[in-house]
Amino acid sequence: MTARIAVLGSCNMDLVAYVPTAPRRGETVTGTAFRTVPGGKGMNQAIAAARAGGDVLMIGAVGDDGFGGGLRAALTAAGVDTAGLRTATGPSGTAHIVVDDDGGNAIVVVPGANGSVAGLAPGDEDLIASADTLLLQLELPLDGVLAGARAARAHGVRTVLTPAPARPLPEELLRLVDLLVPNEHEAQTLTGHADPGAAARALLDLVPEVVVTLGEAGSLYAARGAEPVTVPAVPVRAVDTTAAGDTFTGALAVASGEGRPMPDALAWAAAAAALSVGRPGASSSMPDRAEIDAFRTGAAHPVPEHEGRTAR
């Protein structure tokens, strides 16, 4: 069956500078390349899910500037329904990203139009109700995220939250979430526990299922009444880790929405994330379903050289 996924989240234009080594405070360095790439955690997850084979619609906002039309066009080109994407007066959201030669990144996000999504617009609740899964993140105002989660619960739609950027969250929101997907640092912010297993156990008091992503160590899945499961990551040479987590979450939403057992869904999502880190950019790095399947069966190498940049 096809996974039907609604995404309520941010849309940004990523302004990406590539450097051998990221600058320290007060330091100026010379970059090797610059790109503009559609991004934002919401848009990234929507494109990742659509490329992975989901039937995806986007709810959010872009500005009436030059970036807004480009963001809308990128979603449409990826097969995402933009019926819920409004146009706000003013600039679109932007993310200013520095990527070093080891694939690490530092990011400054300027919300722009995303800051206008403080609640649901007319028709948004119907769009959420038409889906099986709602993906949420924290790059929109918290009131807007809460409104989406409440609508999903009212209509029996499974809610998946990526709690990023990390911040303490109200108990009401967490109790509306069916699956929480933090990385280990976000899990620590929410619980105070540095150990991912302890953090996952604490989160299960509020959320029925948790996946803590652990970077090169893979992911930890915990659910109430079940033994935790650790799924390894795929070893790869990283070019750019931007949006690897969003690729993972989008692919996971598709796999779980198709009814796959969670360990298999997590392994499939890990393959998608591995492919994404071998390419520069956010949405531009995300694999399609055929690529993920080919990689999972050993028919494709995950990290080719791309545009003349070779990861260390």
Protein backbone atom coordinates (compact mmCIF):
# COMPACT_ATOMS: atom_id res chain seq x y z
CA MET A 1 0.00 0.00 0.00
CA THR A 2 1.10 3.59 -0.56
CA ALA A 3 1.95 5.64 2.52
CA ARG A 4 -0.13 8.83 2.68
CA ILE A 5 1.89 11.50 4.48
CA ALA A 6 1.16 15.11 5.41
CA VAL A 7 4.05 17.35 6.46
CA LEU A 8 3.47 20.47 8.53
CA GLY A 9 6.79 22.24 8.62
CA SER A 10 9.33 24.73 7.38
CA CYS A 11 10.48 25.58 3.88
CA ASN A 12 13.85 27.34 3.56
CA MET A 13 16.28 28.20 0.85
CA ASP A 14 19.64 26.83 1.98
CA LEU A 15 22.63 29.06 1.21
CA VAL A 16 25.52 26.62 1.42
CA ALA A 17 29.24 27.48 1.52
CA TYR A 18 31.82 24.69 1.28
CA VAL A 19 35.14 25.20 3.10
CA PRO A 20 38.15 23.02 3.90
CA THR A 21 37.78 23.88 7.61
CA ALA A 22 34.93 25.82 9.27
CA PRO A 23 35.95 29.29 10.49
CA ARG A 24 36.43 29.97 14.17
CA ARG A 25 34.87 33.03 15.79
CA GLY A 26 36.35 36.17 14.23
CA GLU A 27 38.09 34.21 11.47
CA THR A 28 37.61 34.57 7.71
CA VAL A 29 38.28 31.59 5.46
CA THR A 30 38.12 31.08 1.70
CA GLY A 31 35.46 28.74 0.46
CA THR A 32 35.67 26.26 -2.38
CA ALA A 33 32.06 26.38 -3.62
CA PHE A 34 28.65 27.95 -3.00
CA ARG A 35 25.18 26.59 -3.76
CA THR A 36 21.55 27.52 -3.15
CA VAL A 37 19.49 24.42 -2.38
CA PRO A 38 15.83 24.14 -1.31
CA GLY A 39 15.66 22.92 2.27
CA GLY A 40 14.09 23.40 5.68
CA LYS A 41 13.29 20.42 7.90
CA GLY A 42 9.67 20.24 6.78
CA MET A 43 10.45 20.53 3.09
CA ASN A 44 13.35 18.09 3.42
CA GLN A 45 11.15 15.46 5.02
CA ALA A 46 8.42 15.99 2.43
CA ILE A 47 10.83 15.55 -0.49
CA ALA A 48 12.55 12.59 1.16
CA ALA A 49 9.22 10.85 1.69
CA ALA A 50 8.01 11.60 -1.84
CA ARG A 51 11.21 10.28 -3.42
CA ALA A 52 10.96 7.20 -1.23
CA GLY A 53 7.54 6.44 -2.72
CA GLY A 54 5.08 8.18 -0.42
CA ASP A 55 1.99 10.15 -1.43
CA VAL A 56 2.97 13.45 0.23
CA LEU A 57 1.39 16.85 0.79
CA MET A 58 3.06 19.93 2.28
CA ILE A 59 1.51 22.40 4.73
CA GLY A 60 3.46 25.56 5.53
CA ALA A 61 4.45 28.93 4.08
CA VAL A 62 6.92 30.55 1.72
CA GLY A 63 7.50 34.27 1.19
CA ASP A 64 6.51 36.44 -1.75
CA ASP A 65 10.19 36.93 -2.63
CA GLY A 66 12.22 35.24 -5.35
CA PHE A 67 13.00 32.24 -3.17
CA GLY A 68 9.31 31.47 -2.56
CA GLY A 69 8.55 30.48 -6.15
CA GLY A 70 11.68 28.34 -6.30
CA LEU A 71 10.74 26.47 -3.12
CA ARG A 72 7.22 25.78 -4.37
CA ALA A 73 8.58 24.61 -7.73
CA ALA A 74 11.08 22.26 -6.04
CA LEU A 75 8.32 20.60 -4.03
CA THR A 76 6.17 20.17 -7.12
CA ALA A 77 9.08 18.73 -9.09
CA ALA A 78 9.61 16.13 -6.35
CA GLY A 79 5.96 15.08 -6.57
CA VAL A 80 4.78 16.81 -3.39
CA ASP A 81 1.26 18.26 -3.33
CA THR A 82 1.51 21.96 -2.38
CA ALA A 83 -2.21 22.60 -1.78
CA GLY A 84 -1.43 23.53 1.83
CA LEU A 85 1.55 25.77 1.06
CA ARG A 86 0.52 29.38 1.62
CA THR A 87 2.37 32.52 0.47
CA ALA A 88 3.12 35.06 3.20
CA THR A 89 4.10 38.68 2.76
CA GLY A 90 7.84 39.13 3.20
CA PRO A 91 10.91 36.92 2.80
CA SER A 92 11.01 33.14 2.69
CA GLY A 93 12.91 31.25 5.34
CA THR A 94 16.63 30.82 4.80
CA ALA A 95 19.33 28.60 6.25
CA HIS A 96 22.96 29.70 6.12
CA ILE A 97 25.15 26.59 6.12
CA VAL A 98 28.90 26.03 6.25
CA VAL A 99 30.04 22.53 5.24
CA ASP A 100 33.63 21.41 5.85
CA ASP A 101 35.67 18.78 4.02
CA ASP A 102 34.80 16.15 6.64
CA GLY A 103 31.10 16.55 5.85
CA GLY A 104 30.30 18.37 9.09
CA ASN A 105 28.11 21.45 9.08
CA ALA A 106 27.10 24.52 11.08
CA ILE A 107 23.73 26.17 10.37
CA VAL A 108 21.98 29.48 11.10
CA VAL A 109 18.25 29.45 10.32
CA VAL A 110 16.29 32.69 9.70
CA PRO A 111 12.58 31.71 9.87
CA GLY A 112 11.07 34.28 7.49
CA ALA A 113 7.65 33.12 6.28
CA ASN A 114 7.81 30.03 8.48
CA GLY A 115 7.21 32.30 11.45
CA SER A 116 3.73 33.09 10.13
CA VAL A 117 2.53 29.49 10.62
CA ALA A 118 1.27 29.95 14.17
CA GLY A 119 -1.86 27.89 13.55
CA LEU A 120 -3.76 26.01 10.87
CA ALA A 121 -5.21 27.87 7.88
CA PRO A 122 -8.67 27.01 6.51
CA GLY A 123 -8.48 23.61 4.84
CA ASP A 124 -5.31 22.48 6.64
CA GLU A 125 -7.18 20.22 9.05
CA ASP A 126 -8.88 18.47 6.14
CA LEU A 127 -5.49 17.91 4.51
CA ILE A 128 -4.14 16.38 7.73
CA ALA A 129 -7.24 14.19 8.07
CA SER A 130 -6.67 12.83 4.54
CA ALA A 131 -3.29 11.39 5.53
CA ASP A 132 -2.23 8.32 7.48
CA THR A 133 0.83 10.03 8.99
CA LEU A 134 1.65 13.62 9.95
CA LEU A 135 5.32 14.66 10.12
CA LEU A 136 6.17 17.55 12.44
CA GLN A 137 9.39 19.38 13.39
CA LEU A 138 10.16 22.50 15.45
CA GLU A 139 11.11 25.12 12.84
CA LEU A 140 7.56 26.57 12.99
CA PRO A 141 6.05 28.45 15.94
CA LEU A 142 5.16 25.97 18.67
CA ASP A 143 1.47 26.97 18.56
CA GLY A 144 1.35 25.88 14.92
CA VAL A 145 3.00 22.54 15.72
CA LEU A 146 0.52 21.97 18.55
CA ALA A 147 -2.42 22.80 16.29
CA GLY A 148 -1.24 20.22 13.77
CA ALA A 149 -0.76 17.56 16.44
CA ARG A 150 -4.22 18.22 17.89
CA ALA A 151 -5.83 17.92 14.45
CA ALA A 152 -3.99 14.67 13.77
CA ARG A 153 -5.11 13.16 17.06
CA ALA A 154 -8.70 14.25 16.45
CA HIS A 155 -8.71 12.39 13.11
CA GLY A 156 -6.74 9.31 14.16
CA VAL A 157 -3.66 10.27 12.11
CA ARG A 158 -0.31 8.90 13.32
CA THR A 159 1.97 11.77 14.37
CA VAL A 160 5.76 11.62 14.02
CA LEU A 161 7.75 14.46 15.61
CA THR A 162 11.39 15.35 15.04
CA PRO A 163 12.15 17.59 18.07
CA ALA A 164 14.62 19.85 16.26
CA PRO A 165 15.89 22.45 16.80
CA ALA A 166 16.21 21.01 20.31
CA ARG A 167 14.23 22.68 23.09
CA PRO A 168 12.19 21.63 26.11
CA LEU A 169 8.64 20.78 25.02
CA PRO A 170 5.27 20.97 26.77
CA GLU A 171 3.90 17.65 27.98
CA GLU A 172 0.73 18.23 25.96
CA LEU A 173 2.63 18.09 22.67
CA LEU A 174 4.58 14.98 23.60
CA ARG A 175 1.39 13.17 24.62
CA LEU A 176 -0.05 13.91 21.17
CA VAL A 177 2.94 12.24 19.46
CA ASP A 178 2.88 8.59 18.39
CA LEU A 179 6.53 8.30 17.33
CA LEU A 180 9.30 10.65 18.49
CA VAL A 181 12.53 10.74 16.42
CA PRO A 182 15.22 12.74 18.26
CA ASN A 183 18.96 12.45 17.81
CA GLU A 184 20.92 11.70 20.97
CA HIS A 185 21.50 15.40 21.75
CA GLU A 186 17.81 16.24 21.34
CA ALA A 187 16.89 13.25 23.52
CA GLN A 188 19.21 14.59 26.22
CA THR A 189 17.64 18.06 25.97
CA LEU A 190 14.19 16.55 26.49
CA THR A 191 15.12 14.22 29.37
CA GLY A 192 18.43 15.29 30.90
CA HIS A 193 19.86 11.81 30.22
CA ALA A 194 23.10 11.64 28.21
CA ASP A 195 22.70 7.89 27.74
CA PRO A 196 20.38 7.25 24.74
CA GLY A 197 18.86 4.15 26.32
CA ALA A 198 17.99 5.99 29.52
CA ALA A 199 16.62 8.91 27.50
CA ALA A 200 14.44 6.59 25.44
CA ARG A 201 13.07 4.91 28.56
CA ALA A 202 12.22 8.29 30.07
CA LEU A 203 10.47 9.43 26.89
CA LEU A 204 8.30 6.31 26.86
CA ASP A 205 6.47 7.74 29.86
CA LEU A 206 4.95 10.27 27.43
CA VAL A 207 5.34 8.80 23.93
CA PRO A 208 4.50 5.19 22.92
CA GLU A 209 7.42 4.79 20.48
CA VAL A 210 10.84 6.44 20.25
CA VAL A 211 13.67 6.21 17.71
CA VAL A 212 16.90 7.84 18.89
CA THR A 213 19.26 8.37 15.96
CA LEU A 214 22.91 7.85 16.88
CA GLY A 215 24.81 8.99 13.78
CA GLU A 216 27.50 6.47 12.87
CA ALA A 217 26.22 4.14 15.62
CA GLY A 218 22.83 3.69 13.93
CA SER A 219 19.53 4.08 15.76
CA LEU A 220 17.82 2.81 18.90
CA TYR A 221 14.14 1.89 18.75
CA ALA A 222 12.12 1.62 21.95
CA ALA A 223 8.42 0.95 22.40
CA ARG A 224 6.25 0.40 25.45
CA GLY A 225 6.12 -3.24 26.44
CA ALA A 226 8.91 -4.35 24.09
CA GLU A 227 12.66 -4.87 24.23
CA PRO A 228 14.73 -2.05 22.67
CA VAL A 229 16.19 -2.74 19.22
CA THR A 230 19.42 -1.25 17.86
CA VAL A 231 19.76 -0.98 14.08
CA PRO A 232 23.27 -0.25 12.74
CA ALA A 233 24.04 2.59 10.39
CA VAL A 234 25.59 1.94 6.99
CA PRO A 235 29.32 2.85 6.97
CA VAL A 236 29.90 5.50 4.31
CA ARG A 237 32.31 8.29 3.37
CA ALA A 238 30.48 11.51 4.21
CA VAL A 239 30.45 14.43 1.79
CA ASP A 240 27.71 16.46 3.51
CA THR A 241 25.59 15.38 6.47
CA THR A 242 23.03 18.17 6.00
CA ALA A 243 19.50 16.69 6.01
CA ALA A 244 20.65 13.11 6.68
CA GLY A 245 18.26 13.00 9.64
CA ASP A 246 15.39 14.37 7.57
CA THR A 247 16.08 11.80 4.85
CA PHE A 248 16.00 9.09 7.52
CA THR A 249 12.69 10.33 8.94
CA GLY A 250 11.01 10.76 5.56
CA ALA A 251 12.01 7.26 4.45
CA LEU A 252 11.03 5.81 7.83
CA ALA A 253 7.57 7.38 7.52
CA VAL A 254 7.13 5.73 4.13
CA ALA A 255 8.37 2.32 5.24
CA SER A 256 6.32 2.25 8.45
CA GLY A 257 3.30 3.67 6.60
CA GLU A 258 3.52 0.70 4.24
CA GLY A 259 3.25 -1.61 7.22
CA ARG A 260 6.83 -2.88 7.35
CA PRO A 261 8.09 -4.18 10.71
CA MET A 262 9.99 -1.46 12.51
CA PRO A 263 13.46 -3.09 12.36
CA ASP A 264 13.11 -3.45 8.58
CA ALA A 265 11.73 0.08 8.25
CA LEU A 266 14.68 1.44 10.25
CA ALA A 267 17.23 -0.43 8.14
CA TRP A 268 15.61 0.89 4.94
CA ALA A 269 15.65 4.44 6.35
CA ALA A 270 19.32 4.01 7.32
CA ALA A 271 20.12 3.07 3.72
CA ALA A 272 18.38 6.23 2.48
CA ALA A 273 20.35 8.37 4.95
CA ALA A 274 23.62 6.71 3.92
CA LEU A 275 22.98 7.56 0.29
CA SER A 276 22.16 11.17 1.18
CA VAL A 277 25.42 11.88 3.02
CA GLY A 278 27.41 10.94 -0.08
CA ARG A 279 26.09 13.98 -1.94
CA PRO A 280 26.21 17.71 -1.19
CA GLY A 281 23.13 19.69 -0.27
CA ALA A 282 19.88 19.00 1.55
CA SER A 283 16.94 18.09 -0.69
CA SER A 284 19.29 17.63 -3.65
CA SER A 285 21.04 14.76 -1.87
CA MET A 286 17.99 12.59 -1.22
CA PRO A 287 17.70 9.22 -2.99
CA ASP A 288 14.66 7.86 -4.77
CA ARG A 289 13.02 4.54 -3.98
CA ALA A 290 14.84 2.61 -6.69
CA GLU A 291 18.21 3.81 -5.38
CA ILE A 292 17.35 2.80 -1.82
CA ASP A 293 16.17 -0.64 -2.91
CA ALA A 294 19.24 -1.17 -5.10
CA PHE A 295 21.56 -0.19 -2.26
CA ARG A 296 19.74 -2.46 0.19
CA THR A 297 20.21 -5.42 -2.16
CA GLY A 298 23.87 -4.59 -2.77
CA ALA A 299 23.32 -3.56 -6.39
CA ALA A 300 24.59 0.01 -5.92
CA HIS A 301 27.44 1.77 -4.16
CA PRO A 302 26.19 4.40 -1.70
CA VAL A 303 28.75 7.16 -2.09
CA PRO A 304 30.05 8.01 -5.56
CA GLU A 305 32.20 11.05 -6.12
CA HIS A 306 29.86 13.96 -6.86
CA GLU A 307 30.57 17.19 -8.67
CA GLY A 308 34.30 16.89 -8.12
CA ARG A 309 34.11 16.77 -4.31
CA THR A 310 35.46 13.66 -2.61
CA ALA A 311 34.81 13.03 1.05
CA ARG A 312 37.59 12.17 3.42
